[in-house]
Amino acid sequence: MNHSNNPQSALVIFSGGQDSTTCLFQAITEFGAANVQAITFAYGQRHAIELQRAAWIAQDLGVKQTVLDLSLISAITNNALMDENMQIDVSGSLPNTFVDGRNTLFLLYAAIYAKSQNIKAIFMGVCETDFSGYPDCRDVFVKSMNVSLNLAMAYDFNIRTPLMYLTKKETWALADKLGAFDYIRQHTHTCYLGVEGGCHECPSCQLREKGLREYLAERG
């Protein structure tokens, strides 16, 4: 089959954070920057600095970016990622940073857009190894969503989750393998509180920095 007029392409669900940027580099490595698009969701998150980083990185890497406004979600659910007045609490069975339905919405809207662009591969940086206990980061959820989207749109989506079984240390190692270690360390933002350079205290910062320390110790 001649793919010269219709090259294989990919869509990356892209936040500007460490994980989704690693997925972006993975997609670029496999498909080439010209055949990769990014989709970014503004849903009222406190760490809106990620949106600025995402726009800058996409432009810097020559990847077309589409930004969708999903802030309507704030009308029907409340959580510490979207409410600046709420203290982050990870002591319960589910952290209060969990946004109900977020990854379901992300995958749905990403799939609708991907189909309009004749894209089948969708990359998402979710992980169930070093993660916050979010049910919508689990492999079983992503696989079920893949089946549902294929049925809903009569289309063969292929949802890719290259970080699913990696620890944060291994995610840093993958970034290094992709030649993106320094880039991701310097340009991505992960802090829940939206502090430039990280607050070093929120669960997201602690996970990122612990993984980085472990990888650097191993890397030597």
N, C-alpha and C. Protein backbone atom coordinates (compact mmCIF):
# COMPACT_ATOMS: atom_id res chain seq x y z
N MET A 1 0.85 -1.19 0.00
CA MET A 1 0.00 0.00 0.00
C MET A 1 0.89 1.24 0.00
N ASN A 2 0.50 2.21 -0.81
CA ASN A 2 1.29 3.44 -0.91
C ASN A 2 0.79 4.45 0.11
N HIS A 3 1.65 4.77 1.07
CA HIS A 3 1.26 5.72 2.12
C HIS A 3 1.77 7.13 1.84
N SER A 4 2.37 7.35 0.66
CA SER A 4 3.02 8.63 0.42
C SER A 4 2.04 9.80 0.46
N ASN A 5 0.80 9.56 -0.01
CA ASN A 5 -0.19 10.64 0.00
C ASN A 5 -0.99 10.68 1.30
N ASN A 6 -0.95 9.60 2.04
CA ASN A 6 -1.73 9.51 3.27
C ASN A 6 -0.88 8.87 4.36
N PRO A 7 0.12 9.61 4.84
CA PRO A 7 1.02 9.02 5.83
C PRO A 7 0.30 8.69 7.13
N GLN A 8 0.77 7.68 7.80
CA GLN A 8 0.22 7.35 9.11
C GLN A 8 0.46 8.53 10.04
N SER A 9 -0.52 8.84 10.86
CA SER A 9 -0.38 10.00 11.74
C SER A 9 -0.90 9.68 13.13
N ALA A 10 -0.63 10.57 14.06
CA ALA A 10 -0.99 10.34 15.46
C ALA A 10 -1.48 11.63 16.10
N LEU A 11 -2.32 11.46 17.12
CA LEU A 11 -2.79 12.57 17.93
C LEU A 11 -2.37 12.32 19.37
N VAL A 12 -1.79 13.33 20.01
CA VAL A 12 -1.34 13.21 21.40
C VAL A 12 -2.20 14.10 22.29
N ILE A 13 -2.79 13.50 23.32
CA ILE A 13 -3.50 14.29 24.34
C ILE A 13 -2.41 14.96 25.17
N PHE A 14 -2.33 16.27 25.07
CA PHE A 14 -1.12 16.99 25.47
C PHE A 14 -1.41 18.11 26.46
N SER A 15 -0.82 17.98 27.66
CA SER A 15 -1.06 18.99 28.70
C SER A 15 0.11 19.94 28.91
N GLY A 16 1.29 19.58 28.40
CA GLY A 16 2.49 20.37 28.70
C GLY A 16 3.25 19.85 29.90
N GLY A 17 2.75 18.75 30.48
CA GLY A 17 3.43 18.14 31.62
C GLY A 17 4.45 17.10 31.17
N GLN A 18 5.15 16.53 32.16
CA GLN A 18 6.21 15.56 31.87
C GLN A 18 5.69 14.37 31.07
N ASP A 19 4.60 13.77 31.50
CA ASP A 19 4.14 12.52 30.90
C ASP A 19 3.66 12.72 29.47
N SER A 20 2.81 13.74 29.26
CA SER A 20 2.28 13.92 27.91
C SER A 20 3.36 14.41 26.95
N THR A 21 4.36 15.13 27.46
CA THR A 21 5.46 15.57 26.58
C THR A 21 6.33 14.39 26.19
N THR A 22 6.51 13.45 27.12
CA THR A 22 7.24 12.21 26.79
C THR A 22 6.48 11.46 25.70
N CYS A 23 5.16 11.39 25.81
CA CYS A 23 4.34 10.75 24.77
C CYS A 23 4.46 11.49 23.44
N LEU A 24 4.53 12.81 23.50
CA LEU A 24 4.68 13.60 22.28
C LEU A 24 5.98 13.26 21.57
N PHE A 25 7.07 13.16 22.33
CA PHE A 25 8.35 12.78 21.74
C PHE A 25 8.30 11.35 21.18
N GLN A 26 7.61 10.46 21.88
CA GLN A 26 7.45 9.08 21.40
C GLN A 26 6.73 9.09 20.05
N ALA A 27 5.65 9.86 19.96
CA ALA A 27 4.88 9.93 18.72
C ALA A 27 5.70 10.53 17.59
N ILE A 28 6.46 11.60 17.89
CA ILE A 28 7.29 12.24 16.87
C ILE A 28 8.36 11.27 16.38
N THR A 29 8.94 10.49 17.30
CA THR A 29 9.95 9.51 16.93
C THR A 29 9.37 8.47 15.96
N GLU A 30 8.14 8.04 16.24
CA GLU A 30 7.52 7.01 15.41
C GLU A 30 6.93 7.53 14.11
N PHE A 31 6.28 8.69 14.17
CA PHE A 31 5.49 9.16 13.04
C PHE A 31 6.10 10.36 12.31
N GLY A 32 7.04 11.08 12.97
CA GLY A 32 7.59 12.31 12.40
C GLY A 32 6.72 13.49 12.79
N ALA A 33 7.33 14.63 13.12
CA ALA A 33 6.59 15.80 13.64
C ALA A 33 5.49 16.26 12.70
N ALA A 34 5.72 16.14 11.39
CA ALA A 34 4.73 16.60 10.42
C ALA A 34 3.46 15.76 10.45
N ASN A 35 3.55 14.56 11.00
CA ASN A 35 2.40 13.65 11.04
C ASN A 35 1.82 13.50 12.45
N VAL A 36 2.22 14.40 13.34
CA VAL A 36 1.73 14.35 14.72
C VAL A 36 0.97 15.64 15.03
N GLN A 37 -0.17 15.48 15.67
CA GLN A 37 -0.93 16.63 16.17
C GLN A 37 -1.09 16.50 17.68
N ALA A 38 -1.31 17.63 18.33
CA ALA A 38 -1.55 17.64 19.77
C ALA A 38 -2.93 18.23 20.03
N ILE A 39 -3.62 17.66 21.03
CA ILE A 39 -4.89 18.24 21.47
C ILE A 39 -4.79 18.53 22.96
N THR A 40 -5.15 19.74 23.34
CA THR A 40 -4.99 20.20 24.72
C THR A 40 -6.34 20.67 25.24
N PHE A 41 -6.62 20.34 26.50
CA PHE A 41 -7.92 20.67 27.07
C PHE A 41 -7.79 21.69 28.20
N ALA A 42 -8.54 22.77 28.08
CA ALA A 42 -8.64 23.76 29.16
C ALA A 42 -9.92 23.45 29.92
N TYR A 43 -9.77 22.93 31.13
CA TYR A 43 -10.97 22.51 31.87
C TYR A 43 -11.10 23.25 33.20
N GLY A 44 -10.40 24.39 33.31
CA GLY A 44 -10.46 25.17 34.54
C GLY A 44 -9.43 24.73 35.55
N GLN A 45 -8.37 24.05 35.11
CA GLN A 45 -7.35 23.55 36.02
C GLN A 45 -6.55 24.69 36.66
N ARG A 46 -6.17 24.48 37.93
CA ARG A 46 -5.35 25.46 38.64
C ARG A 46 -4.00 25.64 37.97
N HIS A 47 -3.46 24.54 37.48
CA HIS A 47 -2.13 24.61 36.88
C HIS A 47 -2.23 25.01 35.40
N ALA A 48 -2.87 26.20 35.17
CA ALA A 48 -3.04 26.70 33.81
C ALA A 48 -1.71 27.05 33.15
N ILE A 49 -0.66 27.16 33.97
CA ILE A 49 0.68 27.38 33.41
C ILE A 49 1.02 26.24 32.44
N GLU A 50 0.45 25.05 32.69
CA GLU A 50 0.66 23.92 31.78
C GLU A 50 0.19 24.27 30.37
N LEU A 51 -0.93 25.00 30.28
CA LEU A 51 -1.48 25.35 28.97
C LEU A 51 -0.50 26.24 28.20
N GLN A 52 0.14 27.15 28.93
CA GLN A 52 1.14 28.02 28.30
C GLN A 52 2.33 27.20 27.83
N ARG A 53 2.77 26.27 28.68
CA ARG A 53 3.90 25.40 28.32
C ARG A 53 3.54 24.54 27.11
N ALA A 54 2.31 24.01 27.12
CA ALA A 54 1.88 23.14 26.03
C ALA A 54 1.92 23.89 24.69
N ALA A 55 1.42 25.12 24.69
CA ALA A 55 1.41 25.92 23.46
C ALA A 55 2.83 26.19 22.99
N TRP A 56 3.71 26.51 23.95
CA TRP A 56 5.11 26.82 23.59
C TRP A 56 5.82 25.58 23.03
N ILE A 57 5.63 24.43 23.71
CA ILE A 57 6.31 23.20 23.28
C ILE A 57 5.82 22.76 21.91
N ALA A 58 4.50 22.79 21.70
CA ALA A 58 3.95 22.38 20.41
C ALA A 58 4.52 23.24 19.28
N GLN A 59 4.58 24.53 19.52
CA GLN A 59 5.13 25.44 18.51
C GLN A 59 6.62 25.18 18.30
N ASP A 60 7.33 24.97 19.40
CA ASP A 60 8.77 24.74 19.34
C ASP A 60 9.11 23.47 18.56
N LEU A 61 8.28 22.45 18.73
CA LEU A 61 8.54 21.15 18.08
C LEU A 61 7.87 21.05 16.70
N GLY A 62 7.16 22.09 16.31
CA GLY A 62 6.53 22.09 14.98
C GLY A 62 5.34 21.16 14.87
N VAL A 63 4.58 21.06 15.97
CA VAL A 63 3.41 20.17 16.00
C VAL A 63 2.14 21.01 16.05
N LYS A 64 1.19 20.71 15.18
CA LYS A 64 -0.09 21.44 15.18
C LYS A 64 -0.84 21.14 16.47
N GLN A 65 -1.31 22.19 17.14
CA GLN A 65 -2.02 22.02 18.41
C GLN A 65 -3.43 22.57 18.31
N THR A 66 -4.38 21.81 18.83
CA THR A 66 -5.77 22.25 18.94
C THR A 66 -6.09 22.34 20.43
N VAL A 67 -6.66 23.46 20.86
CA VAL A 67 -7.03 23.64 22.27
C VAL A 67 -8.56 23.67 22.36
N LEU A 68 -9.11 22.80 23.20
CA LEU A 68 -10.56 22.76 23.40
C LEU A 68 -10.92 23.22 24.81
N ASP A 69 -11.97 23.99 24.91
CA ASP A 69 -12.45 24.48 26.20
C ASP A 69 -13.46 23.49 26.77
N LEU A 70 -13.06 22.81 27.85
CA LEU A 70 -13.97 21.89 28.53
C LEU A 70 -14.31 22.39 29.94
N SER A 71 -14.24 23.71 30.11
CA SER A 71 -14.45 24.27 31.45
C SER A 71 -15.88 24.08 31.95
N LEU A 72 -16.79 23.68 31.07
CA LEU A 72 -18.16 23.39 31.51
C LEU A 72 -18.19 22.33 32.59
N ILE A 73 -17.13 21.51 32.68
CA ILE A 73 -17.09 20.46 33.69
C ILE A 73 -17.16 21.04 35.10
N SER A 74 -16.69 22.29 35.26
CA SER A 74 -16.69 22.91 36.60
C SER A 74 -18.11 23.18 37.09
N ALA A 75 -19.08 23.17 36.19
CA ALA A 75 -20.47 23.40 36.58
C ALA A 75 -21.08 22.18 37.24
N ILE A 76 -20.46 21.01 37.05
CA ILE A 76 -21.10 19.78 37.54
C ILE A 76 -20.23 18.96 38.49
N THR A 77 -18.97 19.37 38.72
CA THR A 77 -18.14 18.64 39.67
C THR A 77 -17.17 19.59 40.34
N ASN A 78 -16.74 19.22 41.54
CA ASN A 78 -15.85 20.08 42.32
C ASN A 78 -14.66 19.26 42.81
N ASN A 79 -13.47 19.82 42.72
CA ASN A 79 -12.27 19.12 43.15
C ASN A 79 -11.13 20.11 43.34
N ALA A 80 -10.06 19.65 43.97
CA ALA A 80 -8.96 20.54 44.33
C ALA A 80 -8.10 20.96 43.14
N LEU A 81 -8.23 20.28 42.01
CA LEU A 81 -7.46 20.70 40.84
C LEU A 81 -8.07 21.91 40.16
N MET A 82 -9.37 22.15 40.43
CA MET A 82 -10.07 23.24 39.77
C MET A 82 -10.51 24.34 40.75
N ASP A 83 -10.37 24.09 42.04
CA ASP A 83 -10.82 25.07 43.05
C ASP A 83 -9.62 25.57 43.84
N GLU A 84 -9.26 26.82 43.60
CA GLU A 84 -8.06 27.39 44.27
C GLU A 84 -8.22 27.48 45.78
N ASN A 85 -9.45 27.48 46.26
CA ASN A 85 -9.68 27.63 47.70
C ASN A 85 -9.67 26.29 48.44
N MET A 86 -9.57 25.21 47.70
CA MET A 86 -9.61 23.88 48.32
C MET A 86 -8.20 23.37 48.54
N GLN A 87 -7.92 22.93 49.76
CA GLN A 87 -6.62 22.35 50.07
C GLN A 87 -6.50 20.97 49.44
N ILE A 88 -5.34 20.67 48.87
CA ILE A 88 -5.13 19.35 48.29
C ILE A 88 -5.01 18.32 49.42
N ASP A 89 -5.79 17.25 49.30
CA ASP A 89 -5.82 16.22 50.33
C ASP A 89 -5.73 14.85 49.66
N VAL A 90 -4.69 14.12 50.00
CA VAL A 90 -4.51 12.78 49.40
C VAL A 90 -4.71 11.68 50.42
N SER A 91 -5.31 12.01 51.56
CA SER A 91 -5.42 11.04 52.66
C SER A 91 -6.58 10.07 52.48
N GLY A 92 -7.58 10.44 51.67
CA GLY A 92 -8.76 9.59 51.51
C GLY A 92 -8.49 8.45 50.54
N SER A 93 -9.54 7.66 50.30
CA SER A 93 -9.39 6.54 49.37
C SER A 93 -9.14 7.03 47.95
N LEU A 94 -9.65 8.22 47.66
CA LEU A 94 -9.42 8.86 46.36
C LEU A 94 -8.99 10.30 46.63
N PRO A 95 -7.83 10.73 46.10
CA PRO A 95 -7.36 12.10 46.35
C PRO A 95 -8.39 13.12 45.86
N ASN A 96 -8.48 14.28 46.55
CA ASN A 96 -9.46 15.27 46.12
C ASN A 96 -9.01 16.06 44.89
N THR A 97 -7.85 15.66 44.33
CA THR A 97 -7.41 16.23 43.05
C THR A 97 -8.00 15.47 41.88
N PHE A 98 -8.70 14.37 42.16
CA PHE A 98 -9.32 13.59 41.08
C PHE A 98 -10.47 14.37 40.47
N VAL A 99 -10.47 14.47 39.14
CA VAL A 99 -11.54 15.16 38.41
C VAL A 99 -12.43 14.09 37.78
N ASP A 100 -13.65 13.94 38.32
CA ASP A 100 -14.56 12.91 37.81
C ASP A 100 -14.78 13.07 36.31
N GLY A 101 -14.56 11.98 35.58
CA GLY A 101 -14.88 11.98 34.16
C GLY A 101 -13.85 12.64 33.25
N ARG A 102 -12.77 13.17 33.82
CA ARG A 102 -11.84 13.95 33.00
C ARG A 102 -11.24 13.14 31.84
N ASN A 103 -10.65 12.01 32.15
CA ASN A 103 -10.01 11.25 31.07
C ASN A 103 -11.03 10.64 30.11
N THR A 104 -12.24 10.39 30.60
CA THR A 104 -13.31 9.93 29.71
C THR A 104 -13.63 11.01 28.69
N LEU A 105 -13.78 12.24 29.18
CA LEU A 105 -14.04 13.36 28.28
C LEU A 105 -12.88 13.60 27.32
N PHE A 106 -11.66 13.56 27.88
CA PHE A 106 -10.48 13.80 27.03
C PHE A 106 -10.43 12.81 25.87
N LEU A 107 -10.63 11.53 26.20
CA LEU A 107 -10.55 10.50 25.16
C LEU A 107 -11.70 10.63 24.15
N LEU A 108 -12.88 10.97 24.64
CA LEU A 108 -14.02 11.15 23.74
C LEU A 108 -13.77 12.28 22.74
N TYR A 109 -13.39 13.44 23.25
CA TYR A 109 -13.18 14.59 22.37
C TYR A 109 -11.95 14.39 21.48
N ALA A 110 -10.93 13.75 22.01
CA ALA A 110 -9.74 13.46 21.20
C ALA A 110 -10.12 12.52 20.05
N ALA A 111 -10.95 11.53 20.35
CA ALA A 111 -11.36 10.56 19.32
C ALA A 111 -12.21 11.23 18.24
N ILE A 112 -13.14 12.08 18.65
CA ILE A 112 -13.98 12.79 17.67
C ILE A 112 -13.08 13.61 16.73
N TYR A 113 -12.11 14.30 17.33
CA TYR A 113 -11.20 15.12 16.51
C TYR A 113 -10.32 14.22 15.63
N ALA A 114 -9.79 13.15 16.21
CA ALA A 114 -8.90 12.26 15.47
C ALA A 114 -9.61 11.70 14.24
N LYS A 115 -10.85 11.29 14.40
CA LYS A 115 -11.58 10.73 13.26
C LYS A 115 -11.74 11.78 12.16
N SER A 116 -11.99 13.03 12.54
CA SER A 116 -12.14 14.10 11.54
C SER A 116 -10.86 14.33 10.76
N GLN A 117 -9.72 13.94 11.35
CA GLN A 117 -8.41 14.11 10.72
C GLN A 117 -7.87 12.81 10.12
N ASN A 118 -8.70 11.77 10.10
CA ASN A 118 -8.28 10.44 9.61
C ASN A 118 -7.10 9.88 10.41
N ILE A 119 -7.10 10.16 11.71
CA ILE A 119 -6.05 9.67 12.61
C ILE A 119 -6.62 8.51 13.42
N LYS A 120 -5.83 7.45 13.56
CA LYS A 120 -6.29 6.31 14.37
C LYS A 120 -5.51 6.16 15.67
N ALA A 121 -4.24 6.53 15.67
CA ALA A 121 -3.40 6.39 16.87
C ALA A 121 -3.56 7.60 17.79
N ILE A 122 -3.99 7.35 19.01
CA ILE A 122 -4.14 8.42 20.01
C ILE A 122 -3.24 8.09 21.19
N PHE A 123 -2.32 8.99 21.51
CA PHE A 123 -1.40 8.78 22.63
C PHE A 123 -1.93 9.49 23.87
N MET A 124 -1.82 8.81 25.01
CA MET A 124 -2.23 9.40 26.29
C MET A 124 -1.23 8.98 27.36
N GLY A 125 -0.81 9.94 28.19
CA GLY A 125 0.26 9.69 29.15
C GLY A 125 -0.18 9.17 30.51
N VAL A 126 -1.22 8.36 30.53
CA VAL A 126 -1.68 7.83 31.82
C VAL A 126 -0.80 6.66 32.26
N CYS A 127 -0.85 6.39 33.57
CA CYS A 127 0.05 5.40 34.15
C CYS A 127 -0.60 4.83 35.41
N GLU A 128 -0.51 3.52 35.59
CA GLU A 128 -1.07 2.94 36.82
C GLU A 128 0.01 2.39 37.75
N THR A 129 1.26 2.73 37.48
CA THR A 129 2.36 2.26 38.33
C THR A 129 2.68 3.29 39.43
N ASP A 130 3.27 4.41 39.03
CA ASP A 130 3.49 5.53 39.96
C ASP A 130 2.38 6.54 39.70
N PHE A 131 1.23 6.36 40.32
CA PHE A 131 0.15 7.30 40.03
C PHE A 131 -0.63 7.59 41.30
N SER A 132 -1.58 8.51 41.19
CA SER A 132 -2.25 9.04 42.37
C SER A 132 -3.45 8.24 42.81
N GLY A 133 -3.66 7.07 42.21
CA GLY A 133 -4.82 6.27 42.58
C GLY A 133 -6.06 6.63 41.80
N TYR A 134 -5.89 7.31 40.67
CA TYR A 134 -7.05 7.70 39.86
C TYR A 134 -7.59 6.50 39.08
N PRO A 135 -8.89 6.21 39.19
CA PRO A 135 -9.43 5.05 38.48
C PRO A 135 -9.35 5.19 36.96
N ASP A 136 -9.36 6.44 36.45
CA ASP A 136 -9.35 6.62 34.99
C ASP A 136 -7.93 6.68 34.42
N CYS A 137 -6.94 6.25 35.20
CA CYS A 137 -5.57 6.09 34.69
C CYS A 137 -5.23 4.62 34.50
N ARG A 138 -6.18 3.74 34.80
CA ARG A 138 -5.90 2.31 34.75
C ARG A 138 -6.02 1.76 33.32
N ASP A 139 -5.24 0.75 33.05
CA ASP A 139 -5.24 0.12 31.73
C ASP A 139 -6.63 -0.43 31.38
N VAL A 140 -7.32 -1.00 32.36
CA VAL A 140 -8.64 -1.59 32.11
C VAL A 140 -9.62 -0.51 31.65
N PHE A 141 -9.50 0.70 32.20
CA PHE A 141 -10.37 1.80 31.76
C PHE A 141 -10.06 2.21 30.32
N VAL A 142 -8.78 2.39 30.03
CA VAL A 142 -8.38 2.84 28.69
C VAL A 142 -8.81 1.82 27.63
N LYS A 143 -8.61 0.53 27.93
CA LYS A 143 -9.00 -0.51 26.98
C LYS A 143 -10.52 -0.53 26.77
N SER A 144 -11.27 -0.35 27.85
CA SER A 144 -12.74 -0.35 27.72
C SER A 144 -13.19 0.88 26.92
N MET A 145 -12.51 1.99 27.14
CA MET A 145 -12.84 3.22 26.41
C MET A 145 -12.51 3.05 24.93
N ASN A 146 -11.42 2.37 24.64
CA ASN A 146 -11.03 2.11 23.25
C ASN A 146 -12.13 1.31 22.54
N VAL A 147 -12.62 0.28 23.21
CA VAL A 147 -13.70 -0.54 22.65
C VAL A 147 -14.95 0.31 22.44
N SER A 148 -15.32 1.11 23.44
CA SER A 148 -16.53 1.93 23.36
C SER A 148 -16.45 2.94 22.22
N LEU A 149 -15.30 3.58 22.07
CA LEU A 149 -15.14 4.59 21.01
C LEU A 149 -15.18 3.94 19.63
N ASN A 150 -14.57 2.76 19.50
CA ASN A 150 -14.63 2.05 18.22
C ASN A 150 -16.08 1.71 17.86
N LEU A 151 -16.83 1.28 18.88
CA LEU A 151 -18.24 0.95 18.65
C LEU A 151 -19.05 2.20 18.36
N ALA A 152 -18.79 3.27 19.08
CA ALA A 152 -19.58 4.51 18.96
C ALA A 152 -19.42 5.16 17.59
N MET A 153 -18.20 5.04 17.02
CA MET A 153 -17.94 5.75 15.77
C MET A 153 -17.62 4.84 14.59
N ALA A 154 -17.73 3.53 14.81
CA ALA A 154 -17.44 2.56 13.74
C ALA A 154 -16.08 2.87 13.11
N TYR A 155 -15.09 2.95 13.96
CA TYR A 155 -13.75 3.40 13.55
C TYR A 155 -12.72 2.67 14.40
N ASP A 156 -11.58 2.36 13.80
CA ASP A 156 -10.57 1.57 14.52
C ASP A 156 -9.55 2.46 15.23
N PHE A 157 -9.96 3.07 16.33
CA PHE A 157 -9.00 3.83 17.13
C PHE A 157 -7.99 2.89 17.78
N ASN A 158 -6.79 3.39 17.97
CA ASN A 158 -5.76 2.64 18.69
C ASN A 158 -5.20 3.56 19.77
N ILE A 159 -5.72 3.41 20.99
CA ILE A 159 -5.28 4.29 22.08
C ILE A 159 -3.98 3.74 22.66
N ARG A 160 -2.93 4.53 22.57
CA ARG A 160 -1.59 4.13 22.99
C ARG A 160 -1.25 4.76 24.34
N THR A 161 -0.79 3.94 25.26
CA THR A 161 -0.40 4.45 26.60
C THR A 161 1.00 3.94 26.94
N PRO A 162 2.04 4.55 26.34
CA PRO A 162 3.40 4.02 26.50
C PRO A 162 3.94 4.07 27.93
N LEU A 163 3.30 4.86 28.80
CA LEU A 163 3.81 4.99 30.18
C LEU A 163 3.05 4.12 31.18
N MET A 164 2.08 3.36 30.69
CA MET A 164 1.12 2.68 31.59
C MET A 164 1.80 1.90 32.71
N TYR A 165 2.87 1.16 32.40
CA TYR A 165 3.48 0.31 33.43
C TYR A 165 4.87 0.79 33.84
N LEU A 166 5.17 2.06 33.55
CA LEU A 166 6.48 2.61 33.92
C LEU A 166 6.40 3.35 35.24
N THR A 167 7.46 3.21 36.06
CA THR A 167 7.60 4.08 37.22
C THR A 167 8.05 5.45 36.71
N LYS A 168 8.01 6.46 37.58
CA LYS A 168 8.48 7.79 37.17
C LYS A 168 9.96 7.73 36.78
N LYS A 169 10.73 6.93 37.48
CA LYS A 169 12.15 6.77 37.14
C LYS A 169 12.27 6.25 35.71
N GLU A 170 11.44 5.27 35.37
CA GLU A 170 11.49 4.67 34.03
C GLU A 170 10.97 5.63 32.97
N THR A 171 10.06 6.53 33.37
CA THR A 171 9.57 7.54 32.43
C THR A 171 10.69 8.53 32.09
N TRP A 172 11.49 8.88 33.10
CA TRP A 172 12.67 9.73 32.83
C TRP A 172 13.66 8.99 31.93
N ALA A 173 13.80 7.69 32.16
CA ALA A 173 14.72 6.90 31.33
C ALA A 173 14.24 6.86 29.88
N LEU A 174 12.92 6.75 29.68
CA LEU A 174 12.37 6.75 28.34
C LEU A 174 12.63 8.10 27.66
N ALA A 175 12.43 9.19 28.41
CA ALA A 175 12.71 10.52 27.86
C ALA A 175 14.15 10.62 27.39
N ASP A 176 15.04 10.06 28.19
CA ASP A 176 16.47 10.07 27.85
C ASP A 176 16.73 9.27 26.58
N LYS A 177 16.09 8.11 26.49
CA LYS A 177 16.23 7.25 25.31
C LYS A 177 15.73 7.96 24.05
N LEU A 178 14.70 8.78 24.22
CA LEU A 178 14.13 9.52 23.09
C LEU A 178 14.91 10.80 22.79
N GLY A 179 15.99 11.04 23.57
CA GLY A 179 16.80 12.24 23.36
C GLY A 179 16.15 13.51 23.88
N ALA A 180 15.21 13.35 24.82
CA ALA A 180 14.41 14.48 25.27
C ALA A 180 14.55 14.76 26.76
N PHE A 181 15.53 14.15 27.41
CA PHE A 181 15.65 14.25 28.87
C PHE A 181 15.79 15.71 29.33
N ASP A 182 16.77 16.41 28.78
CA ASP A 182 17.00 17.80 29.20
C ASP A 182 15.83 18.69 28.82
N TYR A 183 15.27 18.45 27.64
CA TYR A 183 14.14 19.24 27.16
C TYR A 183 12.95 19.12 28.12
N ILE A 184 12.62 17.89 28.48
CA ILE A 184 11.47 17.66 29.36
C ILE A 184 11.75 18.19 30.76
N ARG A 185 12.96 18.00 31.22
CA ARG A 185 13.32 18.51 32.55
C ARG A 185 13.21 20.03 32.61
N GLN A 186 13.57 20.68 31.54
CA GLN A 186 13.63 22.14 31.52
C GLN A 186 12.29 22.80 31.19
N HIS A 187 11.54 22.20 30.27
CA HIS A 187 10.40 22.92 29.69
C HIS A 187 9.03 22.46 30.16
N THR A 188 8.93 21.29 30.79
CA THR A 188 7.59 20.82 31.17
C THR A 188 7.22 21.27 32.57
N HIS A 189 5.91 21.28 32.83
CA HIS A 189 5.39 21.71 34.12
C HIS A 189 4.46 20.63 34.65
N THR A 190 4.61 20.29 35.93
CA THR A 190 3.82 19.20 36.50
C THR A 190 3.09 19.60 37.79
N CYS A 191 3.45 20.73 38.37
CA CYS A 191 2.95 21.12 39.70
C CYS A 191 1.43 21.34 39.72
N TYR A 192 0.76 20.68 40.67
CA TYR A 192 -0.69 20.85 40.84
C TYR A 192 -1.06 22.29 41.18
N LEU A 193 -0.19 22.97 41.90
CA LEU A 193 -0.51 24.32 42.38
C LEU A 193 -0.16 25.40 41.36
N GLY A 194 0.44 24.98 40.25
CA GLY A 194 0.75 25.94 39.21
C GLY A 194 1.95 26.82 39.50
N VAL A 195 2.82 26.37 40.41
CA VAL A 195 4.01 27.16 40.76
C VAL A 195 5.08 26.92 39.69
N GLU A 196 5.58 28.01 39.10
CA GLU A 196 6.61 27.88 38.07
C GLU A 196 7.85 27.22 38.68
N GLY A 197 8.36 26.18 38.01
CA GLY A 197 9.51 25.46 38.54
C GLY A 197 9.14 24.43 39.59
N GLY A 198 7.83 24.39 39.95
CA GLY A 198 7.35 23.39 40.90
C GLY A 198 7.35 23.89 42.34
N CYS A 199 6.36 23.44 43.11
CA CYS A 199 6.29 23.83 44.53
C CYS A 199 7.11 22.88 45.39
N HIS A 200 7.49 21.72 44.84
CA HIS A 200 8.29 20.68 45.51
C HIS A 200 7.53 19.99 46.65
N GLU A 201 6.26 20.32 46.83
CA GLU A 201 5.51 19.77 47.96
C GLU A 201 4.25 19.00 47.56
N CYS A 202 3.61 19.39 46.47
CA CYS A 202 2.37 18.70 46.08
C CYS A 202 2.70 17.28 45.60
N PRO A 203 1.71 16.37 45.60
CA PRO A 203 1.99 14.99 45.22
C PRO A 203 2.63 14.86 43.83
N SER A 204 2.20 15.71 42.92
CA SER A 204 2.71 15.64 41.55
C SER A 204 4.19 16.01 41.49
N CYS A 205 4.56 17.08 42.19
CA CYS A 205 5.97 17.50 42.24
C CYS A 205 6.83 16.43 42.91
N GLN A 206 6.33 15.89 44.02
CA GLN A 206 7.10 14.91 44.77
C GLN A 206 7.37 13.66 43.93
N LEU A 207 6.36 13.22 43.19
CA LEU A 207 6.50 12.03 42.34
C LEU A 207 7.52 12.28 41.23
N ARG A 208 7.40 13.43 40.59
CA ARG A 208 8.31 13.79 39.51
C ARG A 208 9.75 13.87 40.01
N GLU A 209 9.95 14.55 41.14
CA GLU A 209 11.30 14.79 41.64
C GLU A 209 11.93 13.53 42.23
N LYS A 210 11.11 12.68 42.85
CA LYS A 210 11.61 11.41 43.36
C LYS A 210 12.10 10.54 42.20
N GLY A 211 11.31 10.45 41.14
CA GLY A 211 11.70 9.68 39.97
C GLY A 211 12.96 10.22 39.32
N LEU A 212 13.07 11.54 39.28
CA LEU A 212 14.26 12.17 38.69
C LEU A 212 15.50 11.85 39.51
N ARG A 213 15.38 11.96 40.84
CA ARG A 213 16.52 11.63 41.72
C ARG A 213 16.96 10.19 41.52
N GLU A 214 15.98 9.28 41.47
CA GLU A 214 16.30 7.85 41.30
C GLU A 214 16.98 7.60 39.96
N TYR A 215 16.49 8.26 38.92
CA TYR A 215 17.07 8.03 37.60
C TYR A 215 18.49 8.62 37.51
N LEU A 216 18.66 9.82 38.06
CA LEU A 216 19.98 10.44 38.02
C LEU A 216 21.01 9.63 38.81
N ALA A 217 20.56 9.04 39.92
CA ALA A 217 21.46 8.22 40.74
C ALA A 217 21.89 6.98 39.95
N GLU A 218 20.97 6.43 39.17
CA GLU A 218 21.25 5.24 38.38
C GLU A 218 22.09 5.58 37.14
N ARG A 219 21.79 6.74 36.58
CA ARG A 219 22.44 7.19 35.35
C ARG A 219 23.91 7.53 35.60
N GLY A 220 24.17 8.08 36.81
CA GLY A 220 25.52 8.42 37.21
C GLY A 220 26.06 9.66 36.56
